[in-house]
Amino acid sequence: MRILIIPGLLLALAGCAMPPQHTAMNLDTNDPKFNSPECIDIRNRALTYDDRTGENIGSVQMSRQYFNREIMLRCSSAAPAAPRT
């Protein structure tokens, strides 16, 4: 039973961090930072973001969190939340 629970929990944790593509698509287009060169660059990188599915699920989630934070820093005037550790 334990063998089935642990992988399920790991998969659930991996799904907690929103994919960067979703973060980039939900930005406020009226924000002054939205059309900045930095924001345009990170939005383009978000479109081709790859989770590197062969890696540790925990590291994938952290990678997503940091990438999402970077998107918010470059594209939103609102202060982003600190990534969870």
Protein backbone atom coordinates (compact mmCIF):
# COMPACT_ATOMS: atom_id res chain seq x y z
CA MET A 1 0.00 0.00 0.00
CA ARG A 2 2.81 2.39 0.93
CA ILE A 3 4.40 1.78 -2.46
CA LEU A 4 1.32 3.21 -4.17
CA ILE A 5 0.86 6.21 -1.86
CA ILE A 6 4.34 7.75 -2.13
CA PRO A 7 4.41 8.09 -5.95
CA GLY A 8 0.87 9.50 -5.84
CA LEU A 9 1.91 12.14 -3.31
CA LEU A 10 4.94 13.08 -5.38
CA LEU A 11 2.82 13.50 -8.49
CA ALA A 12 0.36 15.67 -6.56
CA LEU A 13 3.19 17.90 -5.33
CA ALA A 14 4.51 18.34 -8.87
CA GLY A 15 1.14 19.67 -9.93
CA CYS A 16 1.07 22.38 -7.24
CA ALA A 17 3.21 24.85 -9.15
CA MET A 18 1.45 26.38 -12.14
CA PRO A 19 3.14 25.82 -15.51
CA PRO A 20 4.98 28.98 -16.67
CA GLN A 21 2.94 28.99 -19.89
CA HIS A 22 -0.21 29.42 -17.80
CA THR A 23 1.36 32.18 -15.70
CA ALA A 24 2.46 34.09 -18.80
CA MET A 25 -0.97 33.81 -20.42
CA ASN A 26 -2.74 35.17 -17.33
CA LEU A 27 -0.74 38.40 -17.05
CA ASP A 28 -2.46 41.78 -16.96
CA THR A 29 -1.95 43.25 -20.43
CA ASN A 30 -2.69 46.74 -19.04
CA ASP A 31 0.26 46.60 -16.63
CA PRO A 32 3.01 49.11 -17.55
CA LYS A 33 5.66 46.36 -17.40
CA PHE A 34 3.80 44.04 -19.81
CA ASN A 35 5.33 45.46 -23.00
CA SER A 36 8.84 45.92 -21.60
CA PRO A 37 11.68 44.08 -23.40
CA GLU A 38 12.34 42.02 -20.24
CA CYS A 39 8.72 40.87 -20.08
CA ILE A 40 8.53 40.06 -23.77
CA ASP A 41 11.72 37.98 -23.45
CA ILE A 42 10.49 35.96 -20.45
CA ARG A 43 7.05 35.42 -22.04
CA ASN A 44 8.74 33.99 -25.14
CA ARG A 45 10.88 31.73 -22.95
CA ALA A 46 7.75 30.59 -21.07
CA LEU A 47 6.19 29.41 -24.33
CA THR A 48 9.04 26.94 -24.85
CA TYR A 49 9.53 26.05 -21.15
CA ASP A 50 10.12 22.33 -20.61
CA ASP A 51 9.82 20.62 -17.22
CA ARG A 52 12.58 18.14 -18.08
CA THR A 53 10.25 15.30 -17.13
CA GLY A 54 13.08 12.86 -16.44
CA GLU A 55 14.25 14.83 -13.41
CA ASN A 56 13.27 14.64 -9.75
CA ILE A 57 9.66 15.78 -9.29
CA GLY A 58 10.62 18.07 -6.38
CA SER A 59 13.22 19.89 -8.46
CA VAL A 60 10.70 20.35 -11.29
CA GLN A 61 8.26 22.04 -8.91
CA MET A 62 10.98 24.37 -7.56
CA SER A 63 12.08 25.19 -11.10
CA ARG A 64 8.49 26.10 -12.01
CA GLN A 65 8.11 28.26 -8.91
CA TYR A 66 11.27 30.23 -9.61
CA PHE A 67 10.42 30.66 -13.28
CA ASN A 68 6.91 31.85 -12.40
CA ARG A 69 8.38 34.29 -9.89
CA GLU A 70 10.73 35.63 -12.57
CA ILE A 71 7.78 36.12 -14.91
CA MET A 72 5.93 38.09 -12.25
CA LEU A 73 8.98 40.21 -11.40
CA ARG A 74 9.53 41.18 -15.04
CA CYS A 75 5.90 41.54 -16.13
CA SER A 76 3.86 42.73 -13.16
CA SER A 77 3.99 45.84 -11.01
CA ALA A 78 2.49 43.86 -8.11
CA ALA A 79 5.02 42.25 -5.77
CA PRO A 80 5.15 38.47 -6.35
CA ALA A 81 4.90 36.01 -3.49
CA ALA A 82 8.13 34.41 -2.32
CA PRO A 83 8.62 30.86 -3.59
CA ARG A 84 7.75 28.10 -1.13
CA THR A 85 10.61 25.87 -0.06
